[in-house]
Amino acid sequence: MVFRLVLLALGVLELLFPRPVVDFWMRRAVKGDEEVALRPWVYTMARVEGIAILVWVLARRGHRADDELREDQP
């Protein structure tokens, strides 16, 4: 449950604010004060990734409800 909430938040952030999210992770990925020049499509792909995460999380929510209904039945 908590994992899905974290993914949901990440998906929303990537969809709405791709530049700060990508820049945050790129600062973690490089050593020292290295400068990294990202191509413009990187931010578009971050938005696509955010959409994919949101679709996956929301689709899994529906599957979990189905699984709980099956467990309740004898």
PDB file of N, CA and C in Angstrom:
ATOM      1  N   MET A   1       0.817  -1.186   0.000  1.00  0.00           N
ATOM      2  CA  MET A   1       0.000   0.000   0.000  1.00  0.00           C
ATOM      3  C   MET A   1       0.867   1.259   0.000  1.00  0.00           C
ATOM      4  N   VAL A   2       1.851   1.323   0.881  1.00  0.00           N
ATOM      5  CA  VAL A   2       2.728   2.487   0.965  1.00  0.00           C
ATOM      6  C   VAL A   2       3.555   2.611  -0.313  1.00  0.00           C
ATOM      7  N   PHE A   3       4.006   1.480  -0.847  1.00  0.00           N
ATOM      8  CA  PHE A   3       4.790   1.488  -2.072  1.00  0.00           C
ATOM      9  C   PHE A   3       3.996   2.099  -3.217  1.00  0.00           C
ATOM     10  N   ARG A   4       2.730   1.742  -3.311  1.00  0.00           N
ATOM     11  CA  ARG A   4       1.886   2.288  -4.373  1.00  0.00           C
ATOM     12  C   ARG A   4       1.650   3.785  -4.190  1.00  0.00           C
ATOM     13  N   LEU A   5       1.527   4.232  -2.951  1.00  0.00           N
ATOM     14  CA  LEU A   5       1.365   5.668  -2.699  1.00  0.00           C
ATOM     15  C   LEU A   5       2.613   6.444  -3.102  1.00  0.00           C
ATOM     16  N   VAL A   6       3.780   5.895  -2.814  1.00  0.00           N
ATOM     17  CA  VAL A   6       5.031   6.535  -3.208  1.00  0.00           C
ATOM     18  C   VAL A   6       5.129   6.588  -4.730  1.00  0.00           C
ATOM     19  N   LEU A   7       4.794   5.477  -5.390  1.00  0.00           N
ATOM     20  CA  LEU A   7       4.813   5.467  -6.854  1.00  0.00           C
ATOM     21  C   LEU A   7       3.800   6.446  -7.428  1.00  0.00           C
ATOM     22  N   LEU A   8       2.637   6.523  -6.821  1.00  0.00           N
ATOM     23  CA  LEU A   8       1.615   7.463  -7.273  1.00  0.00           C
ATOM     24  C   LEU A   8       2.140   8.895  -7.176  1.00  0.00           C
ATOM     25  N   ALA A   9       2.762   9.235  -6.063  1.00  0.00           N
ATOM     26  CA  ALA A   9       3.325  10.576  -5.885  1.00  0.00           C
ATOM     27  C   ALA A   9       4.427  10.849  -6.901  1.00  0.00           C
ATOM     28  N   LEU A  10       5.299   9.864  -7.127  1.00  0.00           N
ATOM     29  CA  LEU A  10       6.374  10.021  -8.107  1.00  0.00           C
ATOM     30  C   LEU A  10       5.803  10.214  -9.512  1.00  0.00           C
ATOM     31  N   GLY A  11       4.786   9.442  -9.858  1.00  0.00           N
ATOM     32  CA  GLY A  11       4.165   9.579 -11.170  1.00  0.00           C
ATOM     33  C   GLY A  11       3.558  10.953 -11.372  1.00  0.00           C
ATOM     34  N   VAL A  12       2.880  11.463 -10.359  1.00  0.00           N
ATOM     35  CA  VAL A  12       2.274  12.794 -10.455  1.00  0.00           C
ATOM     36  C   VAL A  12       3.357  13.865 -10.571  1.00  0.00           C
ATOM     37  N   LEU A  13       4.411  13.747  -9.769  1.00  0.00           N
ATOM     38  CA  LEU A  13       5.500  14.723  -9.838  1.00  0.00           C
ATOM     39  C   LEU A  13       6.185  14.702 -11.200  1.00  0.00           C
ATOM     40  N   GLU A  14       6.430  13.510 -11.729  1.00  0.00           N
ATOM     41  CA  GLU A  14       7.072  13.417 -13.040  1.00  0.00           C
ATOM     42  C   GLU A  14       6.176  13.971 -14.142  1.00  0.00           C
ATOM     43  N   LEU A  15       4.901  13.775 -14.012  1.00  0.00           N
ATOM     44  CA  LEU A  15       3.966  14.274 -15.022  1.00  0.00           C
ATOM     45  C   LEU A  15       3.866  15.796 -14.974  1.00  0.00           C
ATOM     46  N   LEU A  16       3.761  16.353 -13.790  1.00  0.00           N
ATOM     47  CA  LEU A  16       3.544  17.797 -13.654  1.00  0.00           C
ATOM     48  C   LEU A  16       4.837  18.622 -13.631  1.00  0.00           C
ATOM     49  N   PHE A  17       5.883  18.071 -13.034  1.00  0.00           N
ATOM     50  CA  PHE A  17       7.141  18.805 -12.869  1.00  0.00           C
ATOM     51  C   PHE A  17       8.332  17.944 -13.279  1.00  0.00           C
ATOM     52  N   PRO A  18       8.463  17.622 -14.564  1.00  0.00           N
ATOM     53  CA  PRO A  18       9.533  16.703 -14.974  1.00  0.00           C
ATOM     54  C   PRO A  18      10.936  17.276 -14.784  1.00  0.00           C
ATOM     55  N   ARG A  19      11.116  18.571 -15.011  1.00  0.00           N
ATOM     56  CA  ARG A  19      12.460  19.153 -14.935  1.00  0.00           C
ATOM     57  C   ARG A  19      13.058  19.049 -13.522  1.00  0.00           C
ATOM     58  N   PRO A  20      12.359  19.453 -12.457  1.00  0.00           N
ATOM     59  CA  PRO A  20      12.958  19.318 -11.118  1.00  0.00           C
ATOM     60  C   PRO A  20      13.218  17.868 -10.718  1.00  0.00           C
ATOM     61  N   VAL A  21      12.336  16.958 -11.140  1.00  0.00           N
ATOM     62  CA  VAL A  21      12.523  15.549 -10.778  1.00  0.00           C
ATOM     63  C   VAL A  21      13.762  14.990 -11.477  1.00  0.00           C
ATOM     64  N   VAL A  22      13.889  15.234 -12.774  1.00  0.00           N
ATOM     65  CA  VAL A  22      15.050  14.733 -13.520  1.00  0.00           C
ATOM     66  C   VAL A  22      16.326  15.380 -12.998  1.00  0.00           C
ATOM     67  N   ASP A  23      16.290  16.681 -12.778  1.00  0.00           N
ATOM     68  CA  ASP A  23      17.484  17.371 -12.275  1.00  0.00           C
ATOM     69  C   ASP A  23      17.897  16.853 -10.902  1.00  0.00           C
ATOM     70  N   PHE A  24      16.923  16.557 -10.044  1.00  0.00           N
ATOM     71  CA  PHE A  24      17.217  15.993  -8.721  1.00  0.00           C
ATOM     72  C   PHE A  24      17.977  14.676  -8.850  1.00  0.00           C
ATOM     73  N   TRP A  25      17.474  13.776  -9.695  1.00  0.00           N
ATOM     74  CA  TRP A  25      18.112  12.472  -9.835  1.00  0.00           C
ATOM     75  C   TRP A  25      19.442  12.560 -10.580  1.00  0.00           C
ATOM     76  N   MET A  26      19.572  13.497 -11.496  1.00  0.00           N
ATOM     77  CA  MET A  26      20.855  13.653 -12.194  1.00  0.00           C
ATOM     78  C   MET A  26      21.937  14.185 -11.253  1.00  0.00           C
ATOM     79  N   ARG A  27      21.558  15.062 -10.328  1.00  0.00           N
ATOM     80  CA  ARG A  27      22.536  15.529  -9.334  1.00  0.00           C
ATOM     81  C   ARG A  27      23.029  14.368  -8.482  1.00  0.00           C
ATOM     82  N   ARG A  28      22.173  13.386  -8.229  1.00  0.00           N
ATOM     83  CA  ARG A  28      22.574  12.220  -7.442  1.00  0.00           C
ATOM     84  C   ARG A  28      23.432  11.257  -8.258  1.00  0.00           C
ATOM     85  N   ALA A  29      23.266  11.270  -9.576  1.00  0.00           N
ATOM     86  CA  ALA A  29      23.931  10.298 -10.443  1.00  0.00           C
ATOM     87  C   ALA A  29      25.359  10.682 -10.804  1.00  0.00           C
ATOM     88  N   VAL A  30      25.689  11.961 -10.778  1.00  0.00           N
ATOM     89  CA  VAL A  30      27.027  12.391 -11.177  1.00  0.00           C
ATOM     90  C   VAL A  30      27.904  12.594  -9.949  1.00  0.00           C
ATOM     91  N   LYS A  31      29.193  12.465 -10.165  1.00  0.00           N
ATOM     92  CA  LYS A  31      30.151  12.633  -9.075  1.00  0.00           C
ATOM     93  C   LYS A  31      30.639  14.071  -9.024  1.00  0.00           C
ATOM     94  N   GLY A  32      30.766  14.590  -7.838  1.00  0.00           N
ATOM     95  CA  GLY A  32      31.328  15.923  -7.652  1.00  0.00           C
ATOM     96  C   GLY A  32      30.513  17.014  -8.315  1.00  0.00           C
ATOM     97  N   ASP A  33      31.218  17.925  -8.958  1.00  0.00           N
ATOM     98  CA  ASP A  33      30.572  19.067  -9.595  1.00  0.00           C
ATOM     99  C   ASP A  33      30.489  18.915 -11.105  1.00  0.00           C
ATOM    100  N   GLU A  34      30.424  17.694 -11.586  1.00  0.00           N
ATOM    101  CA  GLU A  34      30.344  17.466 -13.030  1.00  0.00           C
ATOM    102  C   GLU A  34      29.086  18.101 -13.600  1.00  0.00           C
ATOM    103  N   GLU A  35      29.224  18.689 -14.759  1.00  0.00           N
ATOM    104  CA  GLU A  35      28.091  19.268 -15.472  1.00  0.00           C
ATOM    105  C   GLU A  35      27.584  18.247 -16.482  1.00  0.00           C
ATOM    106  N   VAL A  36      26.297  18.074 -16.527  1.00  0.00           N
ATOM    107  CA  VAL A  36      25.680  17.142 -17.463  1.00  0.00           C
ATOM    108  C   VAL A  36      24.682  17.931 -18.304  1.00  0.00           C
ATOM    109  N   ALA A  37      24.813  17.812 -19.612  1.00  0.00           N
ATOM    110  CA  ALA A  37      23.875  18.473 -20.522  1.00  0.00           C
ATOM    111  C   ALA A  37      22.855  17.433 -20.979  1.00  0.00           C
ATOM    112  N   LEU A  38      21.617  17.661 -20.612  1.00  0.00           N
ATOM    113  CA  LEU A  38      20.556  16.734 -20.996  1.00  0.00           C
ATOM    114  C   LEU A  38      19.867  17.236 -22.258  1.00  0.00           C
ATOM    115  N   ARG A  39      19.483  16.306 -23.070  1.00  0.00           N
ATOM    116  CA  ARG A  39      18.742  16.663 -24.277  1.00  0.00           C
ATOM    117  C   ARG A  39      17.304  17.009 -23.892  1.00  0.00           C
ATOM    118  N   PRO A  40      16.645  17.839 -24.667  1.00  0.00           N
ATOM    119  CA  PRO A  40      15.276  18.260 -24.325  1.00  0.00           C
ATOM    120  C   PRO A  40      14.276  17.104 -24.229  1.00  0.00           C
ATOM    121  N   TRP A  41      14.473  16.035 -24.991  1.00  0.00           N
ATOM    122  CA  TRP A  41      13.524  14.933 -24.973  1.00  0.00           C
ATOM    123  C   TRP A  41      13.550  14.161 -23.653  1.00  0.00           C
ATOM    124  N   VAL A  42      14.570  14.347 -22.853  1.00  0.00           N
ATOM    125  CA  VAL A  42      14.650  13.641 -21.566  1.00  0.00           C
ATOM    126  C   VAL A  42      13.467  14.027 -20.677  1.00  0.00           C
ATOM    127  N   TYR A  43      13.115  15.304 -20.694  1.00  0.00           N
ATOM    128  CA  TYR A  43      12.006  15.769 -19.860  1.00  0.00           C
ATOM    129  C   TYR A  43      10.664  15.264 -20.388  1.00  0.00           C
ATOM    130  N   THR A  44      10.549  15.143 -21.704  1.00  0.00           N
ATOM    131  CA  THR A  44       9.337  14.565 -22.290  1.00  0.00           C
ATOM    132  C   THR A  44       9.209  13.099 -21.886  1.00  0.00           C
ATOM    133  N   MET A  45      10.320  12.381 -21.913  1.00  0.00           N
ATOM    134  CA  MET A  45      10.285  10.977 -21.516  1.00  0.00           C
ATOM    135  C   MET A  45       9.974  10.819 -20.029  1.00  0.00           C
ATOM    136  N   ALA A  46      10.376  11.776 -19.210  1.00  0.00           N
ATOM    137  CA  ALA A  46      10.025  11.740 -17.790  1.00  0.00           C
ATOM    138  C   ALA A  46       8.512  11.866 -17.630  1.00  0.00           C
ATOM    139  N   ARG A  47       7.888  12.719 -18.448  1.00  0.00           N
ATOM    140  CA  ARG A  47       6.422  12.825 -18.406  1.00  0.00           C
ATOM    141  C   ARG A  47       5.764  11.524 -18.844  1.00  0.00           C
ATOM    142  N   VAL A  48       6.299  10.916 -19.882  1.00  0.00           N
ATOM    143  CA  VAL A  48       5.759   9.625 -20.355  1.00  0.00           C
ATOM    144  C   VAL A  48       5.905   8.579 -19.262  1.00  0.00           C
ATOM    145  N   GLU A  49       7.048   8.570 -18.595  1.00  0.00           N
ATOM    146  CA  GLU A  49       7.259   7.636 -17.490  1.00  0.00           C
ATOM    147  C   GLU A  49       6.257   7.891 -16.364  1.00  0.00           C
ATOM    148  N   GLY A  50       5.996   9.158 -16.065  1.00  0.00           N
ATOM    149  CA  GLY A  50       5.009   9.496 -15.044  1.00  0.00           C
ATOM    150  C   GLY A  50       3.627   8.968 -15.410  1.00  0.00           C
ATOM    151  N   ILE A  51       3.246   9.107 -16.676  1.00  0.00           N
ATOM    152  CA  ILE A  51       1.959   8.576 -17.128  1.00  0.00           C
ATOM    153  C   ILE A  51       1.926   7.065 -16.988  1.00  0.00           C
ATOM    154  N   ALA A  52       3.010   6.402 -17.394  1.00  0.00           N
ATOM    155  CA  ALA A  52       3.072   4.938 -17.298  1.00  0.00           C
ATOM    156  C   ALA A  52       2.956   4.480 -15.844  1.00  0.00           C
ATOM    157  N   ILE A  53       3.621   5.169 -14.944  1.00  0.00           N
ATOM    158  CA  ILE A  53       3.540   4.813 -13.521  1.00  0.00           C
ATOM    159  C   ILE A  53       2.115   4.987 -13.009  1.00  0.00           C
ATOM    160  N   LEU A  54       1.484   6.108 -13.363  1.00  0.00           N
ATOM    161  CA  LEU A  54       0.111   6.354 -12.913  1.00  0.00           C
ATOM    162  C   LEU A  54      -0.849   5.297 -13.454  1.00  0.00           C
ATOM    163  N   VAL A  55      -0.707   4.946 -14.716  1.00  0.00           N
ATOM    164  CA  VAL A  55      -1.576   3.911 -15.303  1.00  0.00           C
ATOM    165  C   VAL A  55      -1.376   2.589 -14.586  1.00  0.00           C
ATOM    166  N   TRP A  56      -0.127   2.227 -14.319  1.00  0.00           N
ATOM    167  CA  TRP A  56       0.150   0.965 -13.648  1.00  0.00           C
ATOM    168  C   TRP A  56      -0.439   0.948 -12.235  1.00  0.00           C
ATOM    169  N   VAL A  57      -0.226   2.030 -11.481  1.00  0.00           N
ATOM    170  CA  VAL A  57      -0.730   2.086 -10.102  1.00  0.00           C
ATOM    171  C   VAL A  57      -2.256   2.018 -10.085  1.00  0.00           C
ATOM    172  N   LEU A  58      -2.894   2.786 -10.957  1.00  0.00           N
ATOM    173  CA  LEU A  58      -4.357   2.789 -10.978  1.00  0.00           C
ATOM    174  C   LEU A  58      -4.920   1.459 -11.471  1.00  0.00           C
ATOM    175  N   ALA A  59      -4.246   0.812 -12.411  1.00  0.00           N
ATOM    176  CA  ALA A  59      -4.693  -0.502 -12.882  1.00  0.00           C
ATOM    177  C   ALA A  59      -4.547  -1.550 -11.785  1.00  0.00           C
ATOM    178  N   ARG A  60      -3.469  -1.489 -11.029  1.00  0.00           N
ATOM    179  CA  ARG A  60      -3.265  -2.444  -9.934  1.00  0.00           C
ATOM    180  C   ARG A  60      -4.292  -2.246  -8.831  1.00  0.00           C
ATOM    181  N   ARG A  61      -4.755  -1.023  -8.656  1.00  0.00           N
ATOM    182  CA  ARG A  61      -5.778  -0.762  -7.640  1.00  0.00           C
ATOM    183  C   ARG A  61      -7.053  -1.536  -7.961  1.00  0.00           C
ATOM    184  N   GLY A  62      -7.420  -1.577  -9.213  1.00  0.00           N
ATOM    185  CA  GLY A  62      -8.601  -2.325  -9.626  1.00  0.00           C
ATOM    186  C   GLY A  62      -8.418  -3.815  -9.441  1.00  0.00           C
ATOM    187  N   HIS A  63      -7.227  -4.342  -9.714  1.00  0.00           N
ATOM    188  CA  HIS A  63      -6.956  -5.769  -9.540  1.00  0.00           C
ATOM    189  C   HIS A  63      -7.015  -6.166  -8.071  1.00  0.00           C
ATOM    190  N   ARG A  64      -6.547  -5.304  -7.203  1.00  0.00           N
ATOM    191  CA  ARG A  64      -6.559  -5.628  -5.775  1.00  0.00           C
ATOM    192  C   ARG A  64      -7.992  -5.735  -5.265  1.00  0.00           C
ATOM    193  N   ALA A  65      -8.879  -4.874  -5.723  1.00  0.00           N
ATOM    194  CA  ALA A  65     -10.278  -4.943  -5.300  1.00  0.00           C
ATOM    195  C   ALA A  65     -10.895  -6.261  -5.747  1.00  0.00           C
ATOM    196  N   ASP A  66     -10.570  -6.715  -6.947  1.00  0.00           N
ATOM    197  CA  ASP A  66     -11.070  -7.998  -7.436  1.00  0.00           C
ATOM    198  C   ASP A  66     -10.538  -9.152  -6.588  1.00  0.00           C
ATOM    199  N   ASP A  67      -9.259  -9.092  -6.224  1.00  0.00           N
ATOM    200  CA  ASP A  67      -8.652 -10.143  -5.409  1.00  0.00           C
ATOM    201  C   ASP A  67      -9.296 -10.209  -4.031  1.00  0.00           C
ATOM    202  N   GLU A  68      -9.593  -9.069  -3.422  1.00  0.00           N
ATOM    203  CA  GLU A  68     -10.217  -9.056  -2.101  1.00  0.00           C
ATOM    204  C   GLU A  68     -11.627  -9.630  -2.163  1.00  0.00           C
ATOM    205  N   LEU A  69     -12.348  -9.366  -3.238  1.00  0.00           N
ATOM    206  CA  LEU A  69     -13.696  -9.932  -3.379  1.00  0.00           C
ATOM    207  C   LEU A  69     -13.635 -11.451  -3.488  1.00  0.00           C
ATOM    208  N   ARG A  70     -12.657 -11.959  -4.213  1.00  0.00           N
ATOM    209  CA  ARG A  70     -12.517 -13.429  -4.366  1.00  0.00           C
ATOM    210  C   ARG A  70     -12.167 -14.088  -3.040  1.00  0.00           C
ATOM    211  N   GLU A  71     -11.358 -13.426  -2.219  1.00  0.00           N
ATOM    212  CA  GLU A  71     -10.986 -14.008  -0.929  1.00  0.00           C
ATOM    213  C   GLU A  71     -12.158 -14.084   0.018  1.00  0.00           C
ATOM    214  N   ASP A  72     -13.095 -13.142  -0.087  1.00  0.00           N
ATOM    215  CA  ASP A  72     -14.254 -13.126   0.803  1.00  0.00           C
ATOM    216  C   ASP A  72     -15.275 -14.208   0.455  1.00  0.00           C
ATOM    217  N   GLN A  73     -15.250 -14.690  -0.765  1.00  0.00           N
ATOM    218  CA  GLN A  73     -16.227 -15.698  -1.186  1.00  0.00           C
ATOM    219  C   GLN A  73     -15.763 -17.078  -0.749  1.00  0.00           C
ATOM    220  N   PRO A  74     -16.727 -17.948  -0.372  1.00  0.00           N
ATOM    221  CA  PRO A  74     -16.346 -19.296   0.074  1.00  0.00           C
ATOM    222  C   PRO A  74     -15.896 -20.177  -1.044  1.00  0.00           C
TER     223      PRO A  74
END
